[in-house]
């Protein structure tokens, strides 16, 4: 007797469905930067409608900029450095957390970093009318998480040819950027970076206390 076989057509995957969540975040961020840059250049959009500005948020205006600011950057090199960092750091965190949890954490860390920036304007009045853009807040969230989950992971920071343990590199980068912004009077969203780092540390602490055995294995594996 001849067998009966059912053949199901292969589902077509979208363009973004062929890549990891981290790769998709990089692609979307690059495309969003190009789009926002063009629209702002031709005055179709204003910078207020894309970047976080504490005075706007506290008046209940442009609340969506908590999200859009994560995908806009201050220029090509700002974008390049952030996406290069995300390529390596985000790829590792996605493998540890899994795709869905990684995406939620990345977006959550970025949103909390933006909120921290807005609230800190009460302490630093100079930030009240300042704009903040970039994925750095979310990136520091990833760094904060790795500080607790993989504290002894050796990493290379910027142009330093010597590997530094993550537990020192994470806070060290934050301090160096803060000193650079103060010394050179460069507008760097230090409070947003700090907010992202705190978000990562909090989530890392939660995972370490909730999944003690799993996080212990991860820490040993990347030591």
N, C-alpha and C. Protein backbone atom coordinates (compact mmCIF):
# COMPACT_ATOMS: atom_id res chain seq x y z
N UNK A 1 0.86 -1.20 0.00
CA UNK A 1 0.00 0.00 0.00
C UNK A 1 0.89 1.24 0.00
N UNK A 2 0.60 2.09 -0.90
CA UNK A 2 1.41 3.30 -1.02
C UNK A 2 1.12 4.23 0.15
N UNK A 3 2.17 4.81 0.67
CA UNK A 3 2.02 5.74 1.79
C UNK A 3 1.47 7.08 1.34
N UNK A 4 0.84 7.76 2.26
CA UNK A 4 0.30 9.08 1.97
C UNK A 4 1.14 10.10 2.71
N UNK A 5 1.67 11.05 1.99
CA UNK A 5 2.54 12.06 2.57
C UNK A 5 1.90 13.43 2.44
N UNK A 6 1.99 14.18 3.49
CA UNK A 6 1.51 15.55 3.46
C UNK A 6 2.70 16.49 3.33
N UNK A 7 2.61 17.36 2.39
CA UNK A 7 3.70 18.31 2.15
C UNK A 7 3.20 19.70 2.48
N UNK A 8 3.87 20.34 3.42
CA UNK A 8 3.49 21.70 3.81
C UNK A 8 4.44 22.69 3.15
N UNK A 9 3.91 23.72 2.54
CA UNK A 9 4.79 24.72 1.91
C UNK A 9 5.67 25.40 2.95
N UNK A 10 6.90 25.62 2.60
CA UNK A 10 7.84 26.29 3.49
C UNK A 10 7.44 27.74 3.68
N UNK A 11 7.29 28.13 4.94
CA UNK A 11 6.90 29.50 5.21
C UNK A 11 8.02 30.46 4.87
N UNK A 12 7.64 31.52 4.20
CA UNK A 12 8.63 32.53 3.86
C UNK A 12 8.92 33.40 5.07
N UNK A 13 10.17 33.62 5.32
CA UNK A 13 10.57 34.45 6.44
C UNK A 13 10.84 35.87 5.94
N UNK A 14 10.54 36.82 6.77
CA UNK A 14 10.80 38.20 6.40
C UNK A 14 12.31 38.44 6.37
N UNK A 15 12.69 39.58 5.84
CA UNK A 15 14.12 39.91 5.77
C UNK A 15 14.74 39.90 7.15
N UNK A 16 14.07 40.54 8.11
CA UNK A 16 14.61 40.62 9.46
C UNK A 16 14.56 39.28 10.18
N UNK A 17 13.68 38.37 9.71
CA UNK A 17 13.56 37.07 10.34
C UNK A 17 14.76 36.17 10.11
N UNK A 18 15.64 36.55 9.20
CA UNK A 18 16.83 35.76 8.92
C UNK A 18 17.99 36.05 9.87
N UNK A 19 17.82 37.04 10.74
CA UNK A 19 18.92 37.46 11.60
C UNK A 19 18.56 37.34 13.08
N UNK A 20 19.57 37.44 13.91
CA UNK A 20 19.36 37.42 15.35
C UNK A 20 18.70 38.74 15.78
N UNK A 21 18.18 38.76 17.00
CA UNK A 21 17.58 39.98 17.53
C UNK A 21 18.61 41.10 17.57
N UNK A 22 19.82 40.78 17.99
CA UNK A 22 20.86 41.81 18.10
C UNK A 22 21.21 42.40 16.74
N UNK A 23 21.33 41.53 15.73
CA UNK A 23 21.61 42.02 14.38
C UNK A 23 20.47 42.89 13.88
N UNK A 24 19.24 42.49 14.17
CA UNK A 24 18.08 43.29 13.76
C UNK A 24 18.09 44.65 14.44
N UNK A 25 18.47 44.69 15.72
CA UNK A 25 18.55 45.97 16.42
C UNK A 25 19.57 46.89 15.77
N UNK A 26 20.69 46.34 15.36
CA UNK A 26 21.72 47.14 14.69
C UNK A 26 21.20 47.66 13.35
N UNK A 27 20.59 46.79 12.57
CA UNK A 27 20.06 47.19 11.26
C UNK A 27 18.98 48.26 11.40
N UNK A 28 18.05 48.05 12.32
CA UNK A 28 16.96 49.01 12.53
C UNK A 28 17.51 50.35 13.01
N UNK A 29 18.50 50.31 13.90
CA UNK A 29 19.08 51.55 14.41
C UNK A 29 19.77 52.34 13.30
N UNK A 30 20.49 51.65 12.43
CA UNK A 30 21.17 52.31 11.31
C UNK A 30 20.14 52.91 10.35
N UNK A 31 19.12 52.14 10.01
CA UNK A 31 18.09 52.62 9.10
C UNK A 31 17.33 53.80 9.70
N UNK A 32 17.03 53.70 11.00
CA UNK A 32 16.31 54.79 11.66
C UNK A 32 17.15 56.06 11.70
N UNK A 33 18.45 55.91 11.94
CA UNK A 33 19.34 57.07 11.94
C UNK A 33 19.32 57.77 10.58
N UNK A 34 19.43 57.00 9.52
CA UNK A 34 19.42 57.57 8.17
C UNK A 34 18.10 58.29 7.90
N UNK A 35 17.00 57.62 8.27
CA UNK A 35 15.68 58.21 8.03
C UNK A 35 15.49 59.49 8.84
N UNK A 36 15.79 59.43 10.14
CA UNK A 36 15.64 60.62 10.99
C UNK A 36 16.54 61.76 10.51
N UNK A 37 17.76 61.41 10.10
CA UNK A 37 18.70 62.43 9.64
C UNK A 37 18.16 63.17 8.42
N UNK A 38 17.60 62.41 7.49
CA UNK A 38 17.04 63.01 6.27
C UNK A 38 15.84 63.88 6.60
N UNK A 39 14.94 63.35 7.43
CA UNK A 39 13.72 64.09 7.76
C UNK A 39 14.01 65.37 8.54
N UNK A 40 15.00 65.31 9.43
CA UNK A 40 15.37 66.50 10.19
C UNK A 40 16.10 67.50 9.30
N UNK A 41 16.95 67.00 8.41
CA UNK A 41 17.69 67.88 7.50
C UNK A 41 16.75 68.67 6.60
N UNK A 42 15.67 68.03 6.16
CA UNK A 42 14.71 68.70 5.29
C UNK A 42 13.57 69.37 6.07
N UNK A 43 13.76 69.43 7.41
CA UNK A 43 12.81 70.10 8.29
C UNK A 43 11.40 69.50 8.23
N UNK A 44 11.34 68.21 7.89
CA UNK A 44 10.07 67.50 7.93
C UNK A 44 9.75 67.11 9.38
N UNK A 45 10.81 66.79 10.12
CA UNK A 45 10.72 66.52 11.55
C UNK A 45 11.60 67.51 12.29
N UNK A 46 11.23 67.79 13.53
CA UNK A 46 12.08 68.62 14.38
C UNK A 46 12.87 67.72 15.31
N UNK A 47 13.99 68.20 15.81
CA UNK A 47 14.79 67.42 16.74
C UNK A 47 13.99 67.11 18.00
N UNK A 48 13.05 67.99 18.36
CA UNK A 48 12.22 67.76 19.55
C UNK A 48 11.37 66.50 19.42
N UNK A 49 11.01 66.15 18.21
CA UNK A 49 10.13 65.00 18.00
C UNK A 49 10.89 63.68 17.94
N UNK A 50 12.22 63.75 18.04
CA UNK A 50 13.05 62.54 17.97
C UNK A 50 13.89 62.34 19.22
N UNK A 51 14.49 63.42 19.74
CA UNK A 51 15.40 63.33 20.88
C UNK A 51 14.69 63.62 22.19
N UNK A 52 15.19 63.04 23.26
CA UNK A 52 14.64 63.33 24.59
C UNK A 52 15.12 64.70 25.05
N UNK A 53 14.18 65.50 25.52
CA UNK A 53 14.49 66.78 26.12
C UNK A 53 13.67 66.87 27.41
N UNK A 54 14.34 66.90 28.57
CA UNK A 54 13.62 66.88 29.84
C UNK A 54 12.50 67.91 29.95
N UNK A 55 12.73 69.13 29.49
CA UNK A 55 11.69 70.17 29.60
C UNK A 55 10.45 69.78 28.81
N UNK A 56 10.63 69.10 27.68
CA UNK A 56 9.48 68.62 26.91
C UNK A 56 8.73 67.53 27.66
N UNK A 57 9.48 66.55 28.15
CA UNK A 57 8.87 65.40 28.82
C UNK A 57 8.09 65.83 30.06
N UNK A 58 8.66 66.73 30.83
CA UNK A 58 8.02 67.16 32.07
C UNK A 58 6.78 68.01 31.82
N UNK A 59 6.62 68.47 30.58
CA UNK A 59 5.39 69.17 30.19
C UNK A 59 4.41 68.22 29.51
N UNK A 60 4.77 66.93 29.47
CA UNK A 60 3.90 65.94 28.86
C UNK A 60 3.96 65.92 27.35
N UNK A 61 5.02 66.50 26.77
CA UNK A 61 5.16 66.57 25.32
C UNK A 61 6.17 65.54 24.82
N UNK A 62 5.95 65.07 23.59
CA UNK A 62 6.90 64.19 22.89
C UNK A 62 7.32 62.99 23.74
N UNK A 63 6.37 62.35 24.38
CA UNK A 63 6.69 61.22 25.25
C UNK A 63 7.25 60.03 24.48
N UNK A 64 6.95 59.95 23.18
CA UNK A 64 7.47 58.85 22.37
C UNK A 64 8.98 58.94 22.16
N UNK A 65 9.57 60.09 22.50
CA UNK A 65 11.02 60.23 22.30
C UNK A 65 11.81 59.34 23.26
N UNK A 66 11.16 58.80 24.29
CA UNK A 66 11.84 57.81 25.12
C UNK A 66 12.30 56.64 24.25
N UNK A 67 11.52 56.33 23.21
CA UNK A 67 11.85 55.22 22.30
C UNK A 67 12.65 55.69 21.10
N UNK A 68 12.19 56.75 20.43
CA UNK A 68 12.87 57.18 19.20
C UNK A 68 14.30 57.63 19.46
N UNK A 69 14.56 58.21 20.62
CA UNK A 69 15.92 58.68 20.92
C UNK A 69 16.93 57.55 20.96
N UNK A 70 16.46 56.34 21.25
CA UNK A 70 17.36 55.18 21.30
C UNK A 70 17.89 54.81 19.92
N UNK A 71 17.15 55.23 18.87
CA UNK A 71 17.51 54.84 17.51
C UNK A 71 18.05 56.02 16.69
N UNK A 72 18.27 57.14 17.36
CA UNK A 72 18.87 58.30 16.71
C UNK A 72 20.22 58.55 17.36
N UNK A 73 21.19 59.08 16.61
CA UNK A 73 22.51 59.36 17.14
C UNK A 73 22.98 60.75 16.71
N UNK A 74 24.01 61.23 17.40
CA UNK A 74 24.50 62.57 17.16
C UNK A 74 25.36 62.72 15.93
N UNK A 75 25.67 61.64 15.25
CA UNK A 75 26.50 61.69 14.06
C UNK A 75 26.97 60.30 13.69
N UNK A 76 27.72 60.21 12.60
CA UNK A 76 28.16 58.90 12.10
C UNK A 76 29.04 58.18 13.12
N UNK A 77 30.01 58.88 13.71
CA UNK A 77 30.95 58.21 14.62
C UNK A 77 30.26 57.78 15.90
N UNK A 78 29.32 58.56 16.35
CA UNK A 78 28.52 58.17 17.51
C UNK A 78 27.77 56.87 17.21
N UNK A 79 27.15 56.83 16.04
CA UNK A 79 26.44 55.63 15.61
C UNK A 79 27.39 54.45 15.46
N UNK A 80 28.52 54.68 14.80
CA UNK A 80 29.47 53.60 14.53
C UNK A 80 30.00 52.97 15.81
N UNK A 81 30.41 53.80 16.77
CA UNK A 81 30.97 53.28 18.01
C UNK A 81 29.93 52.52 18.82
N UNK A 82 28.71 53.03 18.86
CA UNK A 82 27.66 52.34 19.60
C UNK A 82 27.29 51.01 18.95
N UNK A 83 27.17 50.99 17.63
CA UNK A 83 26.79 49.76 16.94
C UNK A 83 27.92 48.73 16.98
N UNK A 84 29.17 49.19 16.96
CA UNK A 84 30.30 48.27 17.08
C UNK A 84 30.28 47.62 18.47
N UNK A 85 30.01 48.42 19.48
CA UNK A 85 29.92 47.90 20.85
C UNK A 85 28.75 46.94 20.98
N UNK A 86 27.61 47.31 20.38
CA UNK A 86 26.43 46.47 20.45
C UNK A 86 26.64 45.14 19.74
N UNK A 87 27.42 45.15 18.67
CA UNK A 87 27.69 43.93 17.92
C UNK A 87 28.31 42.86 18.81
N UNK A 88 29.26 43.26 19.64
CA UNK A 88 29.96 42.29 20.49
C UNK A 88 29.24 42.06 21.82
N UNK A 89 28.87 43.13 22.49
CA UNK A 89 28.24 42.99 23.81
C UNK A 89 26.84 42.42 23.68
N UNK A 90 26.06 42.96 22.75
CA UNK A 90 24.69 42.49 22.58
C UNK A 90 24.61 41.04 22.15
N UNK A 91 25.52 40.63 21.29
CA UNK A 91 25.53 39.24 20.84
C UNK A 91 25.72 38.27 21.99
N UNK A 92 26.60 38.64 22.92
CA UNK A 92 26.86 37.79 24.09
C UNK A 92 25.65 37.76 25.02
N UNK A 93 25.07 38.92 25.28
CA UNK A 93 23.92 38.99 26.19
C UNK A 93 22.73 38.25 25.61
N UNK A 94 22.54 38.33 24.30
CA UNK A 94 21.42 37.60 23.69
C UNK A 94 21.58 36.10 23.87
N UNK A 95 22.81 35.60 23.77
CA UNK A 95 23.05 34.17 23.96
C UNK A 95 22.77 33.76 25.40
N UNK A 96 23.03 34.65 26.34
CA UNK A 96 22.81 34.34 27.75
C UNK A 96 21.33 34.40 28.11
N UNK A 97 20.63 35.43 27.64
CA UNK A 97 19.24 35.65 28.03
C UNK A 97 18.23 34.95 27.12
N UNK A 98 18.61 34.75 25.86
CA UNK A 98 17.63 34.28 24.88
C UNK A 98 17.05 35.48 24.15
N UNK A 99 16.51 35.25 22.97
CA UNK A 99 16.10 36.34 22.07
C UNK A 99 15.03 37.26 22.67
N UNK A 100 13.92 36.70 23.13
CA UNK A 100 12.80 37.53 23.61
C UNK A 100 13.19 38.31 24.86
N UNK A 101 13.81 37.61 25.80
CA UNK A 101 14.17 38.29 27.05
C UNK A 101 15.22 39.37 26.78
N UNK A 102 16.12 39.10 25.86
CA UNK A 102 17.14 40.08 25.51
C UNK A 102 16.51 41.35 24.92
N UNK A 103 15.57 41.18 24.00
CA UNK A 103 14.93 42.33 23.38
C UNK A 103 14.21 43.18 24.41
N UNK A 104 13.45 42.53 25.30
CA UNK A 104 12.72 43.27 26.33
C UNK A 104 13.68 43.99 27.27
N UNK A 105 14.77 43.33 27.62
CA UNK A 105 15.73 43.96 28.52
C UNK A 105 16.42 45.13 27.85
N UNK A 106 16.82 44.98 26.60
CA UNK A 106 17.50 46.06 25.87
C UNK A 106 16.61 47.30 25.81
N UNK A 107 15.37 47.11 25.40
CA UNK A 107 14.44 48.25 25.29
C UNK A 107 14.14 48.83 26.67
N UNK A 108 13.96 47.94 27.66
CA UNK A 108 13.67 48.41 29.01
C UNK A 108 14.81 49.22 29.60
N UNK A 109 16.05 48.77 29.39
CA UNK A 109 17.22 49.49 29.88
C UNK A 109 17.33 50.86 29.22
N UNK A 110 17.04 50.91 27.92
CA UNK A 110 17.09 52.19 27.20
C UNK A 110 16.04 53.15 27.70
N UNK A 111 14.84 52.64 27.95
CA UNK A 111 13.76 53.50 28.45
C UNK A 111 14.07 54.02 29.86
N UNK A 112 14.60 53.14 30.71
CA UNK A 112 14.95 53.56 32.08
C UNK A 112 16.11 54.56 32.06
N UNK A 113 17.03 54.39 31.13
CA UNK A 113 18.13 55.35 31.00
C UNK A 113 17.60 56.73 30.63
N UNK A 114 16.63 56.76 29.71
CA UNK A 114 16.02 58.03 29.33
C UNK A 114 15.27 58.66 30.49
N UNK A 115 14.56 57.85 31.26
CA UNK A 115 13.84 58.36 32.42
C UNK A 115 14.80 58.92 33.47
N UNK A 116 15.91 58.23 33.66
CA UNK A 116 16.93 58.69 34.61
C UNK A 116 17.50 60.04 34.18
N UNK A 117 17.69 60.20 32.86
CA UNK A 117 18.19 61.46 32.32
C UNK A 117 17.21 62.60 32.59
N UNK A 118 15.94 62.32 32.41
CA UNK A 118 14.91 63.35 32.63
C UNK A 118 14.85 63.73 34.10
N UNK A 119 14.79 62.74 34.98
CA UNK A 119 14.67 63.02 36.40
C UNK A 119 15.92 63.69 36.97
N UNK A 120 17.08 63.34 36.43
CA UNK A 120 18.33 63.92 36.93
C UNK A 120 18.46 65.39 36.57
N UNK A 121 17.60 65.89 35.65
CA UNK A 121 17.66 67.31 35.28
C UNK A 121 17.27 68.20 36.46
N UNK A 122 16.59 67.63 37.47
CA UNK A 122 16.29 68.39 38.68
C UNK A 122 17.56 68.64 39.50
N UNK A 123 18.53 67.71 39.35
CA UNK A 123 19.81 67.84 40.06
C UNK A 123 20.80 68.62 39.22
N UNK A 124 20.78 68.38 37.91
CA UNK A 124 21.68 69.07 36.98
C UNK A 124 20.84 69.95 36.05
N UNK A 125 20.56 71.18 36.46
CA UNK A 125 19.68 72.07 35.68
C UNK A 125 20.16 72.31 34.24
N UNK A 126 21.46 72.15 34.00
CA UNK A 126 21.98 72.37 32.65
C UNK A 126 21.41 71.36 31.66
N UNK A 127 20.94 70.21 32.16
CA UNK A 127 20.37 69.18 31.30
C UNK A 127 18.89 69.40 31.00
N UNK A 128 18.29 70.40 31.65
CA UNK A 128 16.85 70.59 31.54
C UNK A 128 16.42 70.85 30.10
N UNK A 129 17.22 71.62 29.37
CA UNK A 129 16.90 71.92 27.97
C UNK A 129 17.88 71.27 27.00
N UNK A 130 18.56 70.24 27.49
CA UNK A 130 19.52 69.51 26.64
C UNK A 130 18.81 68.35 25.95
N UNK A 131 19.35 67.97 24.81
CA UNK A 131 18.80 66.83 24.06
C UNK A 131 19.68 65.61 24.30
N UNK A 132 19.06 64.44 24.30
CA UNK A 132 19.81 63.19 24.46
C UNK A 132 19.36 62.20 23.39
N UNK A 133 20.32 61.64 22.68
CA UNK A 133 20.05 60.61 21.68
C UNK A 133 21.11 59.52 21.79
N UNK A 134 20.77 58.34 21.28
CA UNK A 134 21.76 57.27 21.22
C UNK A 134 21.36 56.02 21.97
N UNK A 135 22.04 54.94 21.62
CA UNK A 135 21.78 53.64 22.24
C UNK A 135 22.66 53.41 23.46
N UNK A 136 23.42 54.43 23.86
CA UNK A 136 24.39 54.24 24.95
C UNK A 136 23.74 53.83 26.26
N UNK A 137 22.57 54.38 26.57
CA UNK A 137 21.88 54.01 27.80
C UNK A 137 21.57 52.53 27.84
N UNK A 138 21.01 52.01 26.74
CA UNK A 138 20.72 50.58 26.64
C UNK A 138 22.00 49.76 26.67
N UNK A 139 23.05 50.26 26.03
CA UNK A 139 24.34 49.56 26.03
C UNK A 139 24.90 49.44 27.44
N UNK A 140 24.81 50.51 28.21
CA UNK A 140 25.30 50.45 29.58
C UNK A 140 24.43 49.51 30.42
N UNK A 141 23.18 49.32 30.02
CA UNK A 141 22.35 48.32 30.68
C UNK A 141 22.93 46.92 30.46
N UNK A 142 23.36 46.65 29.23
CA UNK A 142 23.98 45.36 28.92
C UNK A 142 25.29 45.19 29.70
N UNK A 143 26.05 46.28 29.78
CA UNK A 143 27.32 46.24 30.51
C UNK A 143 27.07 45.96 31.99
N UNK A 144 26.08 46.65 32.57
CA UNK A 144 25.76 46.44 33.98
C UNK A 144 25.36 45.01 34.26
N UNK A 145 24.61 44.41 33.35
CA UNK A 145 24.20 43.02 33.50
C UNK A 145 25.42 42.09 33.49
N UNK A 146 26.34 42.33 32.56
CA UNK A 146 27.53 41.49 32.46
C UNK A 146 28.46 41.68 33.65
N UNK A 147 28.45 42.86 34.25
CA UNK A 147 29.27 43.10 35.44
C UNK A 147 28.91 42.11 36.53
N UNK A 148 27.63 41.76 36.64
CA UNK A 148 27.19 40.83 37.68
C UNK A 148 27.18 39.37 37.21
N UNK A 149 26.85 39.14 35.94
CA UNK A 149 26.78 37.75 35.46
C UNK A 149 28.12 37.21 35.02
N UNK A 150 28.96 38.05 34.45
CA UNK A 150 30.29 37.61 33.99
C UNK A 150 31.35 38.59 34.49
N UNK A 151 31.52 38.73 35.81
CA UNK A 151 32.42 39.76 36.36
C UNK A 151 33.88 39.60 35.96
N UNK A 152 34.31 38.36 35.72
CA UNK A 152 35.72 38.12 35.41
C UNK A 152 35.98 37.95 33.91
N UNK A 153 34.97 38.25 33.10
CA UNK A 153 35.15 38.16 31.65
C UNK A 153 36.15 39.22 31.18
N UNK A 154 37.26 38.81 30.54
CA UNK A 154 38.22 39.82 30.06
C UNK A 154 37.73 40.50 28.79
N UNK A 155 37.73 41.82 28.78
CA UNK A 155 37.26 42.58 27.62
C UNK A 155 38.28 43.66 27.27
N UNK A 156 38.25 44.08 26.02
CA UNK A 156 39.11 45.18 25.57
C UNK A 156 38.28 46.45 25.51
N UNK A 157 38.77 47.49 26.12
CA UNK A 157 38.06 48.76 26.19
C UNK A 157 38.73 49.78 25.28
N UNK A 158 37.95 50.26 24.30
CA UNK A 158 38.43 51.28 23.37
C UNK A 158 39.76 50.86 22.76
N UNK A 159 40.80 51.68 22.99
CA UNK A 159 42.07 51.40 22.35
C UNK A 159 43.12 50.87 23.33
N UNK A 160 42.67 50.41 24.49
CA UNK A 160 43.60 49.84 25.47
C UNK A 160 43.91 48.41 25.06
N UNK A 161 45.20 48.07 24.80
CA UNK A 161 45.54 46.74 24.29
C UNK A 161 45.57 45.64 25.34
N UNK A 162 45.23 45.96 26.57
CA UNK A 162 45.28 44.99 27.65
C UNK A 162 43.84 44.65 28.07
N UNK A 163 43.49 43.35 28.14
CA UNK A 163 42.13 43.00 28.56
C UNK A 163 41.88 43.37 30.02
N UNK A 164 40.67 43.84 30.29
CA UNK A 164 40.28 44.25 31.64
C UNK A 164 39.04 43.46 32.04
N UNK A 165 38.99 43.03 33.26
CA UNK A 165 37.83 42.27 33.73
C UNK A 165 36.59 43.16 33.68
N UNK A 166 35.47 42.54 33.30
CA UNK A 166 34.23 43.28 33.11
C UNK A 166 33.82 44.05 34.36
N UNK A 167 34.05 43.50 35.54
CA UNK A 167 33.63 44.16 36.78
C UNK A 167 34.38 45.47 37.01
N UNK A 168 35.54 45.62 36.36
CA UNK A 168 36.27 46.89 36.44
C UNK A 168 36.02 47.75 35.22
N UNK A 169 35.87 47.10 34.07
CA UNK A 169 35.70 47.82 32.80
C UNK A 169 34.39 48.60 32.76
N UNK A 170 33.30 47.98 33.24
CA UNK A 170 31.99 48.63 33.18
C UNK A 170 31.95 49.97 33.89
N UNK A 171 32.21 49.98 35.21
CA UNK A 171 32.23 51.27 35.93
C UNK A 171 33.34 52.19 35.43
N UNK A 172 34.47 51.59 35.00
CA UNK A 172 35.59 52.40 34.53
C UNK A 172 35.25 53.23 33.31
N UNK A 173 34.53 52.62 32.35
CA UNK A 173 34.12 53.34 31.15
C UNK A 173 33.23 54.52 31.51
N UNK A 174 32.32 54.29 32.43
CA UNK A 174 31.40 55.34 32.85
C UNK A 174 32.16 56.52 33.46
N UNK A 175 33.12 56.22 34.32
CA UNK A 175 33.91 57.26 34.98
C UNK A 175 34.75 58.04 33.97
N UNK A 176 35.38 57.31 33.04
CA UNK A 176 36.23 57.96 32.03
C UNK A 176 35.40 58.91 31.16
N UNK A 177 34.23 58.46 30.72
CA UNK A 177 33.37 59.31 29.89
C UNK A 177 32.92 60.55 30.66
N UNK A 178 32.64 60.38 31.94
CA UNK A 178 32.22 61.51 32.77
C UNK A 178 33.35 62.53 32.89
N UNK A 179 34.59 62.04 33.09
CA UNK A 179 35.74 62.94 33.21
C UNK A 179 36.01 63.66 31.89
N UNK A 180 35.85 62.94 30.78
CA UNK A 180 36.06 63.55 29.47
C UNK A 180 35.05 64.67 29.24
N UNK A 181 33.79 64.41 29.57
CA UNK A 181 32.75 65.42 29.35
C UNK A 181 32.97 66.65 30.22
N UNK A 182 33.47 66.44 31.43
CA UNK A 182 33.73 67.57 32.32
C UNK A 182 34.97 68.34 31.89
N UNK A 183 36.03 67.60 31.55
CA UNK A 183 37.29 68.25 31.20
C UNK A 183 37.25 68.96 29.86
N UNK A 184 36.59 68.34 28.89
CA UNK A 184 36.54 68.92 27.54
C UNK A 184 35.25 69.65 27.27
N UNK A 185 34.36 69.70 28.27
CA UNK A 185 33.07 70.38 28.11
C UNK A 185 32.29 69.84 26.91
N UNK A 186 32.23 68.50 26.84
CA UNK A 186 31.52 67.83 25.75
C UNK A 186 30.19 67.32 26.28
N UNK A 187 29.15 67.51 25.50
CA UNK A 187 27.83 67.06 25.93
C UNK A 187 27.67 65.56 25.80
N UNK A 188 27.87 64.85 26.89
CA UNK A 188 27.71 63.39 26.92
C UNK A 188 26.61 63.08 27.93
N UNK A 189 25.70 62.20 27.56
CA UNK A 189 24.59 61.87 28.45
C UNK A 189 25.00 60.96 29.59
N UNK A 190 25.81 61.52 30.50
CA UNK A 190 26.35 60.69 31.58
C UNK A 190 25.28 60.14 32.50
N UNK A 191 24.26 60.94 32.79
CA UNK A 191 23.21 60.46 33.68
C UNK A 191 22.39 59.35 33.02
N UNK A 192 22.23 59.43 31.70
CA UNK A 192 21.55 58.34 30.98
C UNK A 192 22.39 57.07 31.03
N UNK A 193 23.70 57.22 30.88
CA UNK A 193 24.61 56.07 30.99
C UNK A 193 24.50 55.44 32.36
N UNK A 194 24.49 56.29 33.38
CA UNK A 194 24.40 55.80 34.76
C UNK A 194 23.07 55.08 34.97
N UNK A 195 22.00 55.64 34.44
CA UNK A 195 20.69 55.00 34.57
C UNK A 195 20.66 53.62 33.92
N UNK A 196 21.27 53.52 32.73
CA UNK A 196 21.33 52.23 32.05
C UNK A 196 22.15 51.22 32.84
N UNK A 197 23.29 51.67 33.38
CA UNK A 197 24.15 50.79 34.17
C UNK A 197 23.41 50.27 35.41
N UNK A 198 22.70 51.17 36.08
CA UNK A 198 21.93 50.78 37.27
C UNK A 198 20.85 49.76 36.90
N UNK A 199 20.17 49.98 35.77
CA UNK A 199 19.14 49.04 35.32
C UNK A 199 19.74 47.66 35.08
N UNK A 200 20.92 47.61 34.48
CA UNK A 200 21.59 46.34 34.24
C UNK A 200 22.02 45.66 35.52
N UNK A 201 22.52 46.44 36.47
CA UNK A 201 22.94 45.87 37.76
C UNK A 201 21.74 45.30 38.52
N UNK A 202 20.63 46.02 38.49
CA UNK A 202 19.43 45.56 39.19
C UNK A 202 18.92 44.25 38.58
N UNK A 203 18.87 44.20 37.25
CA UNK A 203 18.39 42.98 36.59
C UNK A 203 19.38 41.84 36.80
N UNK A 204 20.66 42.15 36.78
CA UNK A 204 21.67 41.13 37.04
C UNK A 204 21.54 40.56 38.44
N UNK A 205 21.28 41.43 39.41
CA UNK A 205 21.09 40.99 40.80
C UNK A 205 19.86 40.09 40.91
N UNK A 206 18.80 40.47 40.19
CA UNK A 206 17.58 39.65 40.18
C UNK A 206 17.86 38.26 39.63
N UNK A 207 18.59 38.18 38.52
CA UNK A 207 18.88 36.88 37.92
C UNK A 207 19.78 36.05 38.82
N UNK A 208 20.74 36.69 39.47
CA UNK A 208 21.66 35.95 40.35
C UNK A 208 20.94 35.39 41.57
N UNK A 209 19.96 36.08 42.06
CA UNK A 209 19.25 35.59 43.24
C UNK A 209 18.13 34.61 42.88
N UNK A 210 17.58 34.74 41.66
CA UNK A 210 16.48 33.87 41.24
C UNK A 210 16.99 32.58 40.59
N UNK A 211 18.07 32.68 39.82
CA UNK A 211 18.63 31.52 39.12
C UNK A 211 20.09 31.32 39.56
N UNK A 212 20.26 30.96 40.81
CA UNK A 212 21.60 30.89 41.39
C UNK A 212 22.51 29.91 40.67
N UNK A 213 22.02 28.72 40.40
CA UNK A 213 22.86 27.70 39.76
C UNK A 213 23.23 28.07 38.33
N UNK A 214 22.23 28.54 37.57
CA UNK A 214 22.48 28.91 36.17
C UNK A 214 23.47 30.07 36.07
N UNK A 215 23.28 31.09 36.88
CA UNK A 215 24.18 32.25 36.80
C UNK A 215 25.57 31.90 37.30
N UNK A 216 25.66 30.95 38.24
CA UNK A 216 26.97 30.52 38.71
C UNK A 216 27.74 29.81 37.60
N UNK A 217 27.03 28.97 36.84
CA UNK A 217 27.64 28.28 35.71
C UNK A 217 28.10 29.27 34.65
N UNK A 218 27.25 30.28 34.35
CA UNK A 218 27.60 31.30 33.37
C UNK A 218 28.84 32.06 33.80
N UNK A 219 28.89 32.43 35.05
CA UNK A 219 30.05 33.18 35.58
C UNK A 219 31.33 32.38 35.45
N UNK A 220 31.27 31.08 35.77
CA UNK A 220 32.46 30.23 35.65
C UNK A 220 32.87 30.04 34.20
N UNK A 221 31.88 29.89 33.32
CA UNK A 221 32.18 29.65 31.91
C UNK A 221 32.91 30.82 31.26
N UNK A 222 32.55 32.03 31.65
CA UNK A 222 33.16 33.21 31.04
C UNK A 222 34.28 33.81 31.88
N UNK A 223 34.78 33.07 32.83
CA UNK A 223 35.90 33.58 33.66
C UNK A 223 37.22 33.27 32.99
